[in-house]
Amino acid sequence: MASNLHYSLDEANQTATLTLLGEITIQHATELHSLLVQAVQQVNHLEINLKNLSKADLSTVQLLCSTYRQMKGNGKNFLFAKDVSDAFLKLIEATGYKGCLEGIL
């Protein structure tokens, strides 16, 4: 089974992009958490691409919010690529996490 999570690292520039495709739910939480921890440790700039995310759940939002806060607290950059999926925007609104990610969406 192909992964719905794609991580690309540019060590020279201390940047990474994490792309979430299709459905990312609790079944993907361990893999997503591992990639986010790796990014926090390796880079100063992390971009999250949610353009082709069709479904997510609370675990996805919590992991992204936690990573954003951790990177911000460490003086690192965390941002979303353009064209965040409607599914994700609706989810953060419904779960009350819009405030956590405000200013970077």
N, C-alpha and C. Protein backbone atom coordinates (compact mmCIF):
# COMPACT_ATOMS: atom_id res chain seq x y z
N MET A 1 0.84 -1.19 0.00
CA MET A 1 0.00 0.00 0.00
C MET A 1 0.88 1.25 0.00
N ALA A 2 0.61 2.16 -0.89
CA ALA A 2 1.38 3.40 -0.99
C ALA A 2 0.98 4.35 0.14
N SER A 3 1.96 5.08 0.62
CA SER A 3 1.71 6.03 1.70
C SER A 3 1.02 7.28 1.18
N ASN A 4 0.16 7.84 2.01
CA ASN A 4 -0.50 9.10 1.70
C ASN A 4 0.30 10.30 2.22
N LEU A 5 1.47 10.02 2.77
CA LEU A 5 2.33 11.05 3.33
C LEU A 5 3.65 11.06 2.56
N HIS A 6 4.03 12.22 2.05
CA HIS A 6 5.27 12.35 1.31
C HIS A 6 6.11 13.46 1.92
N TYR A 7 7.33 13.10 2.33
CA TYR A 7 8.23 14.04 3.01
C TYR A 7 9.46 14.26 2.14
N SER A 8 9.74 15.50 1.83
CA SER A 8 10.96 15.81 1.08
C SER A 8 11.79 16.80 1.88
N LEU A 9 13.08 16.52 1.96
CA LEU A 9 14.00 17.29 2.79
C LEU A 9 15.08 17.91 1.93
N ASP A 10 15.36 19.18 2.17
CA ASP A 10 16.47 19.87 1.55
C ASP A 10 17.42 20.26 2.69
N GLU A 11 18.36 19.37 2.97
CA GLU A 11 19.26 19.58 4.11
C GLU A 11 20.09 20.85 3.99
N ALA A 12 20.53 21.15 2.78
CA ALA A 12 21.38 22.32 2.58
C ALA A 12 20.68 23.61 2.99
N ASN A 13 19.39 23.69 2.71
CA ASN A 13 18.63 24.89 3.04
C ASN A 13 17.80 24.76 4.31
N GLN A 14 17.93 23.61 5.00
CA GLN A 14 17.19 23.38 6.25
C GLN A 14 15.68 23.53 6.06
N THR A 15 15.17 23.03 4.92
CA THR A 15 13.74 23.11 4.64
C THR A 15 13.18 21.73 4.33
N ALA A 16 11.89 21.58 4.55
CA ALA A 16 11.21 20.33 4.22
C ALA A 16 9.78 20.64 3.82
N THR A 17 9.23 19.75 3.01
CA THR A 17 7.83 19.82 2.63
C THR A 17 7.19 18.49 2.96
N LEU A 18 6.04 18.55 3.62
CA LEU A 18 5.27 17.35 3.93
C LEU A 18 3.93 17.48 3.20
N THR A 19 3.67 16.53 2.32
CA THR A 19 2.44 16.54 1.53
C THR A 19 1.52 15.45 2.05
N LEU A 20 0.27 15.82 2.35
CA LEU A 20 -0.75 14.88 2.80
C LEU A 20 -1.75 14.70 1.68
N LEU A 21 -1.93 13.46 1.26
CA LEU A 21 -2.79 13.15 0.12
C LEU A 21 -3.96 12.26 0.54
N GLY A 22 -5.10 12.46 -0.09
CA GLY A 22 -6.24 11.57 0.14
C GLY A 22 -6.74 11.67 1.57
N GLU A 23 -6.87 10.52 2.22
CA GLU A 23 -7.39 10.46 3.59
C GLU A 23 -6.25 10.26 4.58
N ILE A 24 -6.19 11.15 5.56
CA ILE A 24 -5.21 11.04 6.65
C ILE A 24 -6.02 11.02 7.95
N THR A 25 -6.05 9.87 8.59
CA THR A 25 -6.86 9.70 9.80
C THR A 25 -6.01 9.06 10.89
N ILE A 26 -6.65 8.64 11.95
CA ILE A 26 -5.96 8.05 13.09
C ILE A 26 -5.06 6.88 12.68
N GLN A 27 -5.42 6.18 11.61
CA GLN A 27 -4.60 5.07 11.14
C GLN A 27 -3.23 5.54 10.64
N HIS A 28 -3.11 6.81 10.31
CA HIS A 28 -1.85 7.38 9.83
C HIS A 28 -1.13 8.17 10.91
N ALA A 29 -1.69 8.23 12.10
CA ALA A 29 -1.16 9.12 13.15
C ALA A 29 0.29 8.82 13.52
N THR A 30 0.64 7.55 13.64
CA THR A 30 2.01 7.21 14.03
C THR A 30 3.00 7.65 12.96
N GLU A 31 2.68 7.38 11.70
CA GLU A 31 3.57 7.78 10.60
C GLU A 31 3.66 9.30 10.50
N LEU A 32 2.52 9.98 10.62
CA LEU A 32 2.51 11.45 10.56
C LEU A 32 3.32 12.03 11.71
N HIS A 33 3.12 11.51 12.90
CA HIS A 33 3.86 11.99 14.07
C HIS A 33 5.36 11.83 13.86
N SER A 34 5.78 10.68 13.36
CA SER A 34 7.21 10.43 13.13
C SER A 34 7.80 11.43 12.13
N LEU A 35 7.08 11.70 11.06
CA LEU A 35 7.57 12.66 10.06
C LEU A 35 7.63 14.07 10.62
N LEU A 36 6.66 14.44 11.42
CA LEU A 36 6.66 15.78 12.01
C LEU A 36 7.79 15.95 13.02
N VAL A 37 8.04 14.92 13.83
CA VAL A 37 9.16 14.96 14.79
C VAL A 37 10.48 15.09 14.02
N GLN A 38 10.61 14.33 12.97
CA GLN A 38 11.81 14.39 12.12
C GLN A 38 12.00 15.81 11.59
N ALA A 39 10.94 16.42 11.12
CA ALA A 39 11.02 17.78 10.58
C ALA A 39 11.44 18.78 11.65
N VAL A 40 10.85 18.69 12.82
CA VAL A 40 11.19 19.61 13.92
C VAL A 40 12.67 19.51 14.25
N GLN A 41 13.20 18.31 14.22
CA GLN A 41 14.62 18.10 14.55
C GLN A 41 15.56 18.50 13.43
N GLN A 42 15.13 18.38 12.17
CA GLN A 42 16.03 18.56 11.04
C GLN A 42 16.01 19.92 10.36
N VAL A 43 14.89 20.63 10.42
CA VAL A 43 14.77 21.82 9.57
C VAL A 43 14.36 23.06 10.35
N ASN A 44 14.58 24.20 9.70
CA ASN A 44 14.14 25.48 10.25
C ASN A 44 12.88 25.99 9.56
N HIS A 45 12.51 25.33 8.47
CA HIS A 45 11.35 25.78 7.69
C HIS A 45 10.59 24.54 7.19
N LEU A 46 9.33 24.40 7.62
CA LEU A 46 8.50 23.28 7.21
C LEU A 46 7.25 23.79 6.52
N GLU A 47 7.02 23.27 5.32
CA GLU A 47 5.82 23.62 4.57
C GLU A 47 4.93 22.38 4.50
N ILE A 48 3.65 22.57 4.82
CA ILE A 48 2.67 21.49 4.77
C ILE A 48 1.77 21.71 3.56
N ASN A 49 1.69 20.71 2.70
CA ASN A 49 0.85 20.79 1.51
C ASN A 49 -0.40 19.94 1.72
N LEU A 50 -1.55 20.60 1.78
CA LEU A 50 -2.83 19.92 2.01
C LEU A 50 -3.77 20.07 0.82
N LYS A 51 -3.24 20.46 -0.31
CA LYS A 51 -4.06 20.74 -1.49
C LYS A 51 -4.93 19.53 -1.88
N ASN A 52 -4.36 18.34 -1.81
CA ASN A 52 -5.08 17.13 -2.24
C ASN A 52 -5.53 16.26 -1.08
N LEU A 53 -5.71 16.87 0.08
CA LEU A 53 -6.24 16.15 1.23
C LEU A 53 -7.76 16.09 1.13
N SER A 54 -8.31 14.89 1.08
CA SER A 54 -9.77 14.77 0.93
C SER A 54 -10.47 14.52 2.25
N LYS A 55 -9.75 13.96 3.23
CA LYS A 55 -10.36 13.68 4.53
C LYS A 55 -9.28 13.62 5.59
N ALA A 56 -9.59 14.19 6.74
CA ALA A 56 -8.69 14.14 7.89
C ALA A 56 -9.56 14.05 9.13
N ASP A 57 -8.92 13.79 10.26
CA ASP A 57 -9.67 13.74 11.51
C ASP A 57 -8.94 14.55 12.58
N LEU A 58 -9.48 14.51 13.77
CA LEU A 58 -8.94 15.32 14.86
C LEU A 58 -7.47 15.02 15.14
N SER A 59 -7.05 13.77 15.00
CA SER A 59 -5.64 13.43 15.27
C SER A 59 -4.71 14.21 14.34
N THR A 60 -5.10 14.35 13.09
CA THR A 60 -4.29 15.09 12.12
C THR A 60 -4.17 16.56 12.53
N VAL A 61 -5.28 17.15 12.89
CA VAL A 61 -5.29 18.56 13.30
C VAL A 61 -4.44 18.76 14.55
N GLN A 62 -4.59 17.87 15.52
CA GLN A 62 -3.83 18.00 16.76
C GLN A 62 -2.33 17.89 16.52
N LEU A 63 -1.91 16.95 15.68
CA LEU A 63 -0.49 16.80 15.38
C LEU A 63 0.07 18.02 14.66
N LEU A 64 -0.68 18.55 13.70
CA LEU A 64 -0.21 19.74 12.97
C LEU A 64 -0.16 20.96 13.89
N CYS A 65 -1.16 21.12 14.73
CA CYS A 65 -1.19 22.26 15.65
C CYS A 65 -0.03 22.18 16.65
N SER A 66 0.20 21.00 17.18
CA SER A 66 1.29 20.80 18.12
C SER A 66 2.65 21.10 17.48
N THR A 67 2.83 20.64 16.26
CA THR A 67 4.08 20.88 15.54
C THR A 67 4.27 22.37 15.27
N TYR A 68 3.19 23.04 14.87
CA TYR A 68 3.25 24.48 14.63
C TYR A 68 3.71 25.21 15.89
N ARG A 69 3.10 24.88 17.01
CA ARG A 69 3.46 25.56 18.27
C ARG A 69 4.90 25.27 18.67
N GLN A 70 5.33 24.02 18.49
CA GLN A 70 6.69 23.67 18.84
C GLN A 70 7.70 24.39 17.96
N MET A 71 7.45 24.42 16.66
CA MET A 71 8.38 25.11 15.76
C MET A 71 8.40 26.61 16.02
N LYS A 72 7.23 27.18 16.22
CA LYS A 72 7.15 28.62 16.51
C LYS A 72 7.91 28.94 17.79
N GLY A 73 7.74 28.10 18.81
CA GLY A 73 8.43 28.30 20.08
C GLY A 73 9.94 28.19 19.96
N ASN A 74 10.40 27.47 18.96
CA ASN A 74 11.83 27.31 18.72
C ASN A 74 12.36 28.29 17.67
N GLY A 75 11.53 29.25 17.27
CA GLY A 75 11.95 30.24 16.30
C GLY A 75 12.05 29.71 14.88
N LYS A 76 11.32 28.64 14.61
CA LYS A 76 11.34 28.04 13.28
C LYS A 76 10.05 28.38 12.54
N ASN A 77 10.06 28.20 11.23
CA ASN A 77 8.91 28.53 10.39
C ASN A 77 8.09 27.30 10.04
N PHE A 78 6.79 27.42 10.17
CA PHE A 78 5.83 26.39 9.82
C PHE A 78 4.74 27.09 9.03
N LEU A 79 4.47 26.60 7.83
CA LEU A 79 3.41 27.24 7.05
C LEU A 79 2.72 26.22 6.16
N PHE A 80 1.55 26.60 5.71
CA PHE A 80 0.79 25.77 4.78
C PHE A 80 1.00 26.30 3.38
N ALA A 81 1.18 25.38 2.43
CA ALA A 81 1.27 25.75 1.02
C ALA A 81 -0.08 26.33 0.60
N LYS A 82 -0.08 27.04 -0.52
CA LYS A 82 -1.33 27.61 -1.04
C LYS A 82 -2.35 26.52 -1.30
N ASP A 83 -3.60 26.93 -1.35
CA ASP A 83 -4.71 26.03 -1.72
C ASP A 83 -4.92 24.89 -0.73
N VAL A 84 -5.09 25.23 0.53
CA VAL A 84 -5.44 24.23 1.54
C VAL A 84 -6.82 23.68 1.21
N SER A 85 -6.98 22.38 1.33
CA SER A 85 -8.24 21.74 0.94
C SER A 85 -9.42 22.23 1.78
N ASP A 86 -10.58 22.26 1.17
CA ASP A 86 -11.80 22.64 1.87
C ASP A 86 -12.08 21.67 3.01
N ALA A 87 -11.77 20.40 2.82
CA ALA A 87 -12.00 19.39 3.85
C ALA A 87 -11.25 19.75 5.13
N PHE A 88 -10.00 20.21 5.00
CA PHE A 88 -9.22 20.58 6.18
C PHE A 88 -9.75 21.85 6.81
N LEU A 89 -10.09 22.83 6.00
CA LEU A 89 -10.61 24.09 6.53
C LEU A 89 -11.91 23.86 7.30
N LYS A 90 -12.78 23.01 6.79
CA LYS A 90 -14.03 22.69 7.48
C LYS A 90 -13.75 21.95 8.78
N LEU A 91 -12.77 21.06 8.76
CA LEU A 91 -12.43 20.28 9.95
C LEU A 91 -11.90 21.17 11.07
N ILE A 92 -11.00 22.09 10.77
CA ILE A 92 -10.47 22.93 11.85
C ILE A 92 -11.53 23.87 12.39
N GLU A 93 -12.46 24.25 11.55
CA GLU A 93 -13.58 25.08 12.03
C GLU A 93 -14.47 24.26 12.96
N ALA A 94 -14.82 23.05 12.54
CA ALA A 94 -15.73 22.19 13.31
C ALA A 94 -15.12 21.73 14.63
N THR A 95 -13.80 21.56 14.68
CA THR A 95 -13.15 21.06 15.88
C THR A 95 -12.66 22.16 16.81
N GLY A 96 -12.77 23.40 16.39
CA GLY A 96 -12.35 24.52 17.24
C GLY A 96 -10.86 24.80 17.19
N TYR A 97 -10.16 24.29 16.21
CA TYR A 97 -8.72 24.48 16.11
C TYR A 97 -8.32 25.63 15.18
N LYS A 98 -9.27 26.35 14.67
CA LYS A 98 -8.96 27.44 13.74
C LYS A 98 -8.03 28.47 14.40
N GLY A 99 -8.25 28.76 15.66
CA GLY A 99 -7.42 29.74 16.37
C GLY A 99 -5.97 29.32 16.49
N CYS A 100 -5.73 28.03 16.63
CA CYS A 100 -4.36 27.51 16.76
C CYS A 100 -3.56 27.80 15.50
N LEU A 101 -4.21 27.72 14.36
CA LEU A 101 -3.51 27.83 13.09
C LEU A 101 -3.76 29.16 12.39
N GLU A 102 -4.41 30.07 13.10
CA GLU A 102 -4.73 31.37 12.52
C GLU A 102 -3.46 32.12 12.17
N GLY A 103 -3.49 32.78 11.06
CA GLY A 103 -2.34 33.56 10.63
C GLY A 103 -1.42 32.79 9.69
N ILE A 104 -1.56 31.46 9.63
CA ILE A 104 -0.72 30.69 8.72
C ILE A 104 -1.55 29.96 7.67
N LEU A 105 -2.86 30.10 7.74
CA LEU A 105 -3.74 29.48 6.74
C LEU A 105 -4.14 30.49 5.70
